[in-house]
Amino acid sequence: MEKGEGTIHISEDVIVELTRKTVATIPGIILGGTSIASKLGIGKKIGDGLKITVDDGIVPAISIDTYISVQYGLRIPDVAWDVQEKIKEKLEAFTGYNVKAVNVNVQGIHFADKVEKAAEKIEEAEHNISSTGTFTD
């Protein structure tokens, strides 16, 4: 098969996971929840705190809605800009898709201890998955 023949489709689940991992590298934020209406998921892939829409085309385009909580004391516009830039950069690099929009919805603020507790829960869940092969809560 020569280069350029056929098509490549990247699952929306993969895009959600790449976005989640990218957001996890940004200090001072945690992903929030999406609204009840958006959880119905009409035409959109939804992950915790993320909504992903992929428009198929010659070069597929991705639109992302993020729902975050920002650590108290950080400048919200700077954090939102950082979220937009990092998500756009990583997704375009890893998928080759065009990132059309990254919408940042700041749902609240939190204190530093909430981030530490969330990180501990993530580490515990990853440990449970890797040691047993299944998720336990």
Foldseek 3Di string as FASTA:
>chain_A
DDPPPDDDDDDVVVLVVQLQVLLLVQPFKDFAADDPVCVVPDQWDDDGQKTWHWDDDPAIEIEMEGEMAGEPPDDVVVSQVVSFVSSQVRCCVPPVHHYPYYHYHHPYYDHPVVSVVVVVVVVVQVVCCVVPVDGDD
